[in-house]
Protein backbone atom coordinates (compact mmCIF):
# COMPACT_ATOMS: atom_id res chain seq x y z
CA MET A 1 121.87 97.53 107.07
CA LYS A 2 123.35 96.19 103.86
CA ASP A 3 125.88 94.09 105.81
CA CYS A 4 123.09 92.26 107.63
CA GLU A 5 121.45 91.49 104.29
CA LYS A 6 124.70 89.98 103.04
CA ILE A 7 125.01 87.91 106.22
CA TRP A 8 121.45 86.62 105.85
CA SER A 9 122.03 85.84 102.17
CA SER A 10 125.04 83.73 103.11
CA ILE A 11 123.05 81.85 105.76
CA LEU A 12 120.15 81.33 103.35
CA ASP A 13 122.49 79.65 100.86
CA ARG A 14 123.21 77.00 103.48
CA ILE A 15 119.57 76.70 104.59
CA THR A 16 118.50 75.77 101.05
CA THR A 17 120.58 72.60 101.42
CA LEU A 18 119.07 71.70 104.81
CA VAL A 19 115.31 72.02 104.21
CA SER A 20 112.94 71.17 101.39
CA THR A 21 111.95 73.71 98.75
CA VAL A 22 108.43 73.86 100.16
CA CYS A 23 109.64 74.55 103.71
CA TYR A 24 112.00 77.19 102.40
CA GLU A 25 109.17 78.90 100.48
CA ILE A 26 106.72 78.80 103.40
CA TYR A 27 109.11 79.92 106.12
CA PHE A 28 112.61 81.16 105.36
CA SER A 29 111.89 83.08 102.15
CA LYS A 30 109.51 85.32 104.10
CA LEU A 31 112.15 86.55 106.60
CA LYS A 32 113.85 89.93 106.17
CA ALA A 33 117.22 90.96 107.61
CA VAL A 34 116.83 93.99 109.90
CA THR A 35 120.15 94.63 111.65
CA VAL A 36 122.90 93.08 113.77
CA LYS A 37 122.49 93.83 117.47
CA ASP A 38 124.69 92.58 120.33
CA GLY A 39 126.30 90.07 118.01
CA ARG A 40 122.99 88.58 116.83
CA LEU A 41 121.37 88.85 113.42
CA ILE A 42 117.84 90.26 113.78
CA LEU A 43 115.31 88.88 111.29
CA ALA A 44 111.71 90.04 110.86
CA ALA A 45 108.83 87.64 110.17
CA PRO A 46 105.57 88.94 108.61
CA MET A 47 103.35 86.90 110.94
CA PRO A 48 103.54 84.93 114.22
CA SER A 49 102.91 81.58 112.53
CA ILE A 50 106.16 81.85 110.55
CA LYS A 51 108.16 82.92 113.59
CA ASN A 52 106.69 80.13 115.74
CA GLY A 53 106.98 77.53 112.97
CA ILE A 54 110.71 78.14 112.57
CA LYS A 55 111.25 78.13 116.33
CA LYS A 56 109.34 74.87 116.74
CA THR A 57 110.52 72.89 113.73
CA PHE A 58 113.59 74.47 112.16
CA SER A 59 115.61 76.07 114.97
CA GLU A 60 118.32 73.42 114.71
CA HIS A 61 118.54 73.86 110.94
CA LEU A 62 118.88 77.61 111.41
CA ASN A 63 121.55 77.25 114.10
CA MET A 64 123.49 74.83 111.92
CA ALA A 65 123.37 77.24 108.99
CA VAL A 66 124.66 80.04 111.23
CA ARG A 67 127.54 77.89 112.54
CA GLU A 68 128.58 76.81 109.06
CA SER A 69 128.22 80.19 107.36
CA MET A 70 131.50 81.55 108.74
CA GLU A 71 129.76 84.87 109.50
CA LYS A 72 130.79 86.80 112.60
CA ILE A 73 127.52 86.49 114.50
CA GLU A 74 126.58 84.55 117.61
CA GLY A 75 123.07 83.61 116.56
CA VAL A 76 119.74 84.74 115.15
CA THR A 77 116.74 86.45 116.76
CA ILE A 78 113.41 86.43 114.93
CA ILE A 79 110.99 89.27 115.64
CA LEU A 80 107.74 90.45 114.04
CA GLU A 81 107.74 93.26 111.50
CA ASN A 82 105.88 95.66 113.80
CA GLU A 83 108.74 95.28 116.31
CA ILE A 84 111.43 96.49 113.87
CA PRO A 85 111.68 100.07 115.25
CA ASP A 86 112.48 98.68 118.71
CA TYR A 87 115.68 97.12 117.36
CA LEU A 88 117.03 100.11 115.43
CA ASP A 89 119.16 102.96 116.77
CA GLU A 90 118.31 106.57 115.88
CA GLU A 91 120.64 106.68 112.88
CA GLN A 92 119.14 103.50 111.44
CA LYS A 93 115.62 104.83 112.00
CA GLU A 94 116.53 107.90 109.94
CA GLU A 95 117.85 105.62 107.19
CA LYS A 96 114.61 103.66 107.15
CA LYS A 97 112.20 106.62 107.23
CA GLU A 98 111.59 106.38 103.52
CA GLU A 99 110.74 102.69 103.88
CA PHE A 100 107.97 103.56 106.35
CA ASN A 101 106.65 106.31 104.07
CA PRO A 102 104.11 104.65 101.74
CA SER A 103 104.61 107.32 99.09
CA MET A 104 108.29 106.39 98.82
CA LYS A 105 107.78 102.63 98.96
CA LYS A 106 108.78 100.72 95.86
CA ILE A 107 106.92 97.58 94.87
CA SER A 108 108.78 95.19 92.62
CA PHE A 109 107.07 92.63 90.42
CA GLN A 110 107.21 89.01 91.52
CA LYS A 111 109.66 87.31 89.21
CA SER A 112 107.77 84.01 89.36
CA PHE A 113 104.65 85.64 87.89
CA THR A 114 105.28 85.50 84.16
CA PHE A 115 103.30 84.65 81.04
CA ASP A 116 105.40 81.51 80.61
CA ASN A 117 104.12 79.96 83.84
CA PHE A 118 100.55 81.22 83.51
CA VAL A 119 98.46 78.25 82.41
CA ILE A 120 95.95 79.27 79.74
CA GLY A 121 92.58 77.57 79.22
CA ASP A 122 89.16 78.49 77.93
CA SER A 123 88.38 80.31 81.17
CA ASN A 124 91.16 82.89 80.86
CA LYS A 125 92.46 82.88 77.29
CA TYR A 126 90.89 86.22 76.33
CA ALA A 127 92.28 87.97 79.42
CA ALA A 128 95.72 86.42 78.80
CA ALA A 129 95.70 87.51 75.14
CA ALA A 130 94.70 91.07 76.06
CA ALA A 131 97.38 91.18 78.76
CA ARG A 132 100.08 90.03 76.33
CA ALA A 133 98.99 92.64 73.79
CA VAL A 134 99.21 95.38 76.44
CA ALA A 135 102.63 94.15 77.57
CA GLU A 136 103.94 94.29 74.00
CA HIS A 137 102.42 97.70 73.14
CA PRO A 138 101.45 99.63 76.30
CA GLY A 139 99.40 102.79 75.90
CA THR A 140 97.92 101.99 72.50
CA ASN A 141 94.47 100.65 71.61
CA LEU A 142 93.90 98.45 74.68
CA ASN A 143 93.66 101.28 77.17
CA PRO A 144 92.46 101.01 79.85
CA LEU A 145 92.53 97.25 80.39
CA PHE A 146 89.99 96.10 82.99
CA ILE A 147 90.30 92.49 84.19
CA TYR A 148 87.74 91.01 86.56
CA GLY A 149 87.09 87.66 88.20
CA LYS A 150 86.56 86.04 91.59
CA PRO A 151 89.47 85.94 94.08
CA GLY A 152 92.20 83.39 93.45
CA LEU A 153 91.80 83.04 89.69
CA GLY A 154 95.06 84.67 88.64
CA LYS A 155 94.35 88.40 88.21
CA THR A 156 97.36 89.44 90.27
CA HIS A 157 99.54 86.94 88.39
CA ILE A 158 98.51 88.53 85.09
CA LEU A 159 99.24 92.06 86.32
CA HIS A 160 102.71 91.07 87.52
CA ALA A 161 103.31 89.18 84.27
CA ILE A 162 102.49 92.35 82.32
CA GLY A 163 104.88 94.35 84.47
CA ASN A 164 107.69 91.83 84.11
CA GLU A 165 107.23 91.65 80.34
CA ILE A 166 107.09 95.42 79.84
CA LEU A 167 110.26 95.96 81.85
CA ARG A 168 112.01 93.13 80.03
CA ASN A 169 111.28 94.82 76.71
CA ASN A 170 111.59 98.44 77.91
CA PRO A 171 113.59 98.70 81.17
CA SER A 172 113.44 102.50 81.10
CA LEU A 173 109.64 102.68 81.33
CA ARG A 174 108.11 103.79 84.63
CA VAL A 175 105.82 100.89 85.54
CA TYR A 176 104.04 100.76 88.89
CA TYR A 177 101.78 98.17 90.51
CA THR A 178 99.72 98.83 93.62
CA THR A 179 96.50 97.73 95.25
CA ALA A 180 93.48 99.95 95.86
CA GLU A 181 94.19 99.60 99.57
CA ASN A 182 97.79 100.77 99.21
CA PHE A 183 96.71 103.62 96.95
CA THR A 184 94.34 104.78 99.70
CA ASN A 185 97.06 104.37 102.35
CA ASP A 186 99.37 106.49 100.20
CA LEU A 187 96.78 109.24 100.07
CA ILE A 188 95.95 109.02 103.78
CA TYR A 189 99.64 109.32 104.68
CA SER A 190 99.95 112.43 102.54
CA LEU A 191 96.76 114.01 103.91
CA ARG A 192 97.67 113.34 107.54
CA ASN A 193 100.92 115.13 106.92
CA SER A 194 99.25 117.90 104.93
CA ASN A 195 101.51 120.50 106.57
CA ASN A 196 104.33 118.89 104.61
CA ASN A 197 103.70 120.07 101.04
CA GLU A 198 106.56 117.91 99.82
CA LEU A 199 104.59 114.74 100.65
CA MET A 200 101.58 115.77 98.59
CA LYS A 201 103.92 116.70 95.78
CA GLN A 202 105.53 113.26 96.02
CA PHE A 203 102.09 111.60 95.92
CA ARG A 204 101.05 113.45 92.78
CA GLU A 205 104.36 112.95 91.00
CA LYS A 206 104.49 109.29 91.94
CA TYR A 207 101.23 108.47 90.16
CA ARG A 208 101.10 111.08 87.40
CA ASN A 209 104.62 110.59 86.08
CA LEU A 210 104.16 106.96 85.14
CA ASP A 211 104.14 105.16 81.81
CA VAL A 212 102.06 102.26 83.15
CA LEU A 213 99.83 102.26 86.25
CA MET A 214 98.29 99.03 87.56
CA ILE A 215 95.76 99.04 90.40
CA ASP A 216 94.66 95.67 91.79
CA ASP A 217 91.30 95.09 93.54
CA VAL A 218 89.69 98.44 92.69
CA GLN A 219 86.47 97.27 94.36
CA PHE A 220 88.07 98.29 97.66
CA LEU A 221 87.81 101.94 96.64
CA ALA A 222 84.09 101.71 97.43
CA GLY A 223 82.98 104.51 99.74
CA LYS A 224 86.40 106.19 99.77
CA ASN A 225 85.46 109.47 98.17
CA SER A 226 88.80 111.23 98.47
CA SER A 227 90.64 108.26 96.97
CA GLN A 228 88.15 108.12 94.11
CA ASP A 229 88.50 111.83 93.44
CA ASN A 230 92.29 111.64 93.29
CA LEU A 231 92.21 108.54 91.10
CA PHE A 232 89.77 110.26 88.75
CA HIS A 233 92.24 113.08 88.08
CA ILE A 234 95.22 110.70 87.89
CA PHE A 235 93.31 108.51 85.45
CA ASN A 236 92.52 111.49 83.22
CA ASP A 237 96.10 112.75 83.26
CA LEU A 238 97.57 109.38 82.33
CA TYR A 239 94.93 108.58 79.74
CA ASN A 240 95.29 111.94 78.02
CA GLU A 241 99.05 111.37 77.84
CA GLU A 242 98.38 107.93 76.27
CA LYS A 243 99.89 106.13 79.26
CA GLN A 244 98.70 102.59 79.97
CA ILE A 245 96.21 101.98 82.78
CA ILE A 246 95.43 98.44 83.97
CA LEU A 247 92.82 97.65 86.60
CA SER A 248 91.54 94.50 88.25
CA SER A 249 88.39 93.81 90.24
CA ASP A 250 86.37 90.93 91.61
CA ARG A 251 83.31 92.04 89.58
CA PRO A 252 82.45 93.95 86.38
CA ALA A 253 82.85 97.72 86.43
CA LYS A 254 79.08 98.26 86.16
CA GLU A 255 78.58 96.26 89.38
CA LEU A 256 81.04 98.30 91.47
CA THR A 257 78.75 99.81 94.08
CA TYR A 258 79.70 102.96 96.02
CA ILE A 259 82.18 103.95 93.33
CA GLU A 260 81.31 107.08 91.37
CA ASP A 261 79.83 106.66 87.89
CA ARG A 262 82.48 108.96 86.42
CA LEU A 263 85.10 106.42 87.49
CA THR A 264 83.31 103.21 86.57
CA SER A 265 82.50 104.61 83.14
CA ARG A 266 86.20 105.23 82.60
CA PHE A 267 87.08 101.75 83.88
CA ALA A 268 84.74 100.31 81.26
CA SER A 269 85.83 102.61 78.42
CA GLY A 270 88.59 100.33 77.16
CA VAL A 271 89.00 96.57 76.93
CA ILE A 272 87.16 94.41 79.48
CA ALA A 273 88.31 90.83 80.05
CA ASP A 274 86.90 88.37 82.57
CA ILE A 275 88.45 85.29 84.13
CA GLN A 276 86.19 82.38 84.97
CA PRO A 277 86.94 79.36 87.20
CA PRO A 278 89.19 76.96 85.28
CA SER A 279 88.09 73.61 83.86
CA PHE A 280 89.30 70.35 85.40
CA GLU A 281 91.92 69.94 82.67
CA THR A 282 93.25 73.46 83.25
CA ARG A 283 93.37 72.92 87.01
CA VAL A 284 95.41 69.74 86.50
CA ALA A 285 97.81 71.60 84.20
CA ILE A 286 98.20 74.38 86.78
CA LEU A 287 98.95 71.89 89.56
CA GLN A 288 101.47 70.05 87.39
CA LYS A 289 103.29 73.29 86.62
CA LYS A 290 103.25 74.38 90.28
CA ALA A 291 104.52 70.99 91.42
CA TYR A 292 107.43 71.32 89.00
CA GLN A 293 108.07 74.92 90.09
CA TYR A 294 108.16 74.05 93.80
CA LYS A 295 109.89 70.68 93.25
CA ILE A 296 107.05 68.76 94.87
CA SER A 297 106.88 65.09 93.91
CA VAL A 298 103.24 64.05 93.65
CA SER A 299 101.48 61.29 91.75
CA PRO A 300 98.88 61.96 89.02
CA GLU A 301 96.22 60.57 91.36
CA VAL A 302 97.04 63.21 93.96
CA ILE A 303 97.03 65.97 91.35
CA ASN A 304 93.61 64.85 90.11
CA TYR A 305 92.25 64.62 93.67
CA ILE A 306 93.27 68.21 94.51
CA ALA A 307 91.90 69.44 91.17
CA GLU A 308 88.55 67.86 92.01
CA LYS A 309 88.44 69.17 95.58
CA GLU A 310 89.04 72.85 94.75
CA LYS A 311 87.18 73.98 91.64
CA TYR A 312 86.96 77.74 92.06
CA ASN A 313 90.11 79.21 93.60
CA ILE A 314 93.57 78.61 92.12
CA ARG A 315 95.27 80.22 95.10
CA LEU A 316 93.61 77.80 97.52
CA MET A 317 94.37 74.90 95.18
CA GLU A 318 98.04 75.88 95.18
CA GLY A 319 97.92 76.09 98.98
CA MET A 320 96.62 72.51 99.12
CA LEU A 321 99.50 71.37 96.91
CA LYS A 322 102.05 73.14 99.13
CA THR A 323 100.46 71.60 102.22
CA VAL A 324 100.74 68.12 100.73
CA GLY A 325 104.36 68.73 99.77
CA TYR A 326 105.20 70.10 103.21
CA PHE A 327 103.48 67.16 104.92
CA ALA A 328 105.41 64.71 102.73
CA SER A 329 108.70 66.43 103.57
CA LEU A 330 108.07 66.43 107.32
CA ASN A 331 107.13 62.73 107.33
CA ASN A 332 109.75 61.65 104.78
CA ARG A 333 107.02 60.05 102.67
CA SER A 334 105.89 60.19 99.07
CA ALA A 335 102.70 61.99 98.08
CA ASP A 336 101.52 59.11 95.94
CA SER A 337 98.06 58.09 97.16
CA ILE A 338 94.61 59.50 97.83
CA GLU A 339 94.86 58.26 101.42
CA PHE A 340 98.02 60.28 101.89
CA VAL A 341 96.59 63.52 100.53
CA MET A 342 93.45 63.10 102.66
CA GLU A 343 95.63 62.72 105.72
CA ALA A 344 97.69 65.79 104.78
CA LEU A 345 94.58 67.89 104.23
CA ARG A 346 92.44 66.51 107.03
CA ASP A 347 92.40 69.90 108.82
CA SER A 348 92.15 71.99 105.69
CA ALA A 349 89.08 74.14 105.07
CA ASN A 350 89.49 73.25 101.41
CA ASN A 351 88.53 69.69 102.28
CA GLN A 352 85.23 70.68 103.89
CA THR A 353 81.92 72.30 103.11
CA ASN A 354 81.33 76.05 103.17
CA GLU A 355 79.79 75.88 106.64
CA ILE A 356 82.78 73.98 108.02
CA SER A 357 85.07 76.44 106.22
CA ILE A 358 83.36 79.23 108.14
CA SER A 359 83.90 77.10 111.22
CA LYS A 360 87.63 76.94 110.45
CA ILE A 361 87.83 80.73 110.21
CA VAL A 362 86.00 81.07 113.52
CA ASP A 363 88.29 78.48 115.14
CA VAL A 364 91.40 80.38 114.04
CA THR A 365 89.95 83.71 115.20
CA CYS A 366 89.02 82.28 118.60
CA GLU A 367 92.46 80.75 119.02
CA TYR A 368 94.08 84.05 118.05
CA PHE A 369 92.07 86.09 120.59
CA GLY A 370 91.83 83.38 123.25
CA ILE A 371 88.03 83.27 123.36
CA LYS A 372 85.39 80.54 123.12
CA LYS A 373 83.64 79.63 119.88
CA SER A 374 80.30 79.52 121.67
CA ASP A 375 80.79 83.17 122.68
CA ILE A 376 81.79 84.52 119.27
CA CYS A 377 78.78 82.76 117.70
CA GLY A 378 76.47 83.69 120.55
CA LYS A 379 74.36 86.68 121.50
CA LYS A 380 76.75 88.46 123.88
CA LYS A 381 77.76 91.97 122.80
CA THR A 382 80.62 92.71 125.17
CA LYS A 383 83.57 94.64 123.71
CA GLU A 384 85.99 91.70 123.98
CA LEU A 385 83.65 89.63 121.78
CA VAL A 386 82.25 92.16 119.29
CA GLU A 387 85.58 92.99 117.65
CA PRO A 388 86.69 89.36 117.12
CA ARG A 389 83.20 88.54 115.83
CA GLN A 390 83.28 91.40 113.32
CA LEU A 391 86.81 90.49 112.28
CA ALA A 392 85.78 86.86 111.70
CA MET A 393 82.83 88.02 109.60
CA TYR A 394 85.16 90.19 107.53
CA VAL A 395 87.59 87.30 106.95
CA VAL A 396 84.71 85.03 105.87
CA THR A 397 83.54 87.60 103.30
CA TYR A 398 87.12 87.97 102.07
CA ILE A 399 88.09 84.29 101.79
CA LEU A 400 84.65 82.92 100.92
CA PRO A 401 83.10 85.64 98.74
CA ASP A 402 80.49 83.30 97.29
CA VAL A 403 78.89 82.53 100.66
CA PRO A 404 75.65 84.58 100.99
CA LEU A 405 75.75 87.30 103.63
CA ALA A 406 72.56 85.91 105.16
CA THR A 407 74.27 82.53 105.62
CA ILE A 408 77.20 84.19 107.37
CA GLY A 409 74.87 86.12 109.66
CA GLN A 410 72.97 82.97 110.58
CA TYR A 411 76.21 81.23 111.53
CA PHE A 412 77.13 84.08 113.88
CA GLY A 413 74.16 83.72 116.20
CA GLY A 414 71.27 84.23 113.78
CA ARG A 415 72.20 87.78 112.78
CA ASP A 416 70.93 89.30 109.52
CA HIS A 417 72.91 90.31 106.43
CA THR A 418 73.01 94.01 107.39
CA THR A 419 75.04 93.09 110.48
CA VAL A 420 77.58 91.31 108.28
CA ILE A 421 77.80 94.32 105.94
CA HIS A 422 78.35 96.64 108.91
CA ALA A 423 81.07 94.34 110.31
CA ARG A 424 82.80 94.02 106.94
CA ASP A 425 82.84 97.78 106.29
CA LYS A 426 83.95 98.62 109.83
CA ILE A 427 86.91 96.22 109.79
CA GLN A 428 87.84 97.38 106.29
CA GLN A 429 87.99 100.98 107.54
CA LYS A 430 90.06 100.00 110.60
CA ILE A 431 92.52 98.26 108.29
CA LEU A 432 92.95 101.51 106.36
CA ASP A 433 93.30 103.63 109.50
CA ASP A 434 95.62 101.42 111.55
CA PRO A 435 98.68 99.61 110.07
CA ILE A 436 99.09 97.49 113.20
CA TYR A 437 95.46 96.36 113.04
CA LYS A 438 95.91 95.63 109.33
CA LYS A 439 98.79 93.32 110.25
CA ARG A 440 96.60 91.51 112.78
CA VAL A 441 93.95 90.86 110.14
CA GLU A 442 96.59 89.65 107.66
CA ASP A 443 97.92 87.25 110.31
CA ILE A 444 94.48 85.70 110.77
CA LYS A 445 93.91 85.42 107.02
CA ASN A 446 97.21 83.65 106.56
CA LEU A 447 96.62 81.36 109.49
CA VAL A 448 93.29 80.33 107.96
CA LEU A 449 94.82 79.67 104.55
CA ASN A 450 98.03 77.99 105.69
CA LYS A 451 97.28 76.29 108.99
């Protein structure tokens, strides 16, 4: 297994000289080396769009890198992550068992998420200051730290920045980041294998023997009573031991519905910091820093145009910048005019109204399932249409959280808001219960954001 990683690392070194930084980030950096089988290096892609994009646009670059790497392989085969077990022999499967066990999975902090590259403005300066204070002195007065704000405003960046800073200052500390969804998956895995007492012991030790615990998107614990009960006891254990707890949410603790009061009161018992949408000046500064980071050459006019087009979501704004850089690289042109950026973003949901953005999500969902838009937005309730319709509703609520539920229901054939709530909750539960289904939903989300 390690040999294939070394082979892929050698090939990647050559690829970096053949494609632009943006193309590398979007495609090649996402691939993972799996094994070498029948003389071919097997790589896993997280979603079909990456696999197909490399095959369509970069296959010659990849083949050239393989030929020039001097590695003893005949070529490369790209598969999807859910196909990995099909390419492993029994011994390799045994080696990878821990990787498939959520309770044993290690999550490392993204090195690019630091305080140095987090742009501070009036909208986030209090949250940034509190985060820095926690990173310098975890487990003291600022405990717990609860950060909230709408999606795409930098909450995850701050959490990773805290983790990176703590470990830089104190490498021996046990610091762990997870999402509410992964926390629940951890628990579900342990409960489903309840006959294996060792797994439950691993679950408890994993979370209770930490110096710093970070849980992202705690709003997704809503309605998950067992997860809430376990987190309640973990929270108490860590807090009583003066261990740092950091939480993030898309809304204030007092507005977290379907989460027990005993938990929300603890969430709100420490320091609460909110992040608001950034000002125009802050958005420009963020884009300038990201352009430098990704080595994208864009004019000030283009930066200003993107900053004006996307006012509320930094993640989407960054996606627009990457799209422009990628488009410039493919066409061997400079991103130096408003006309150019409009051409690059002509199919982007960021360049349209909310209704058309919903339309983009529906278009992607229909393309993914091979169904007609008129059917998914119509009155038919056949099984082959209900699931894609519910999934599309879920994705709309996830990517466009500010769109009223009634508006979403109207778009999908004049349905009311309770139908949207039912669809959202049902898909959310299926994501928790089925890892393969979760991957399907992630594919559609990424296709919407990156297509």
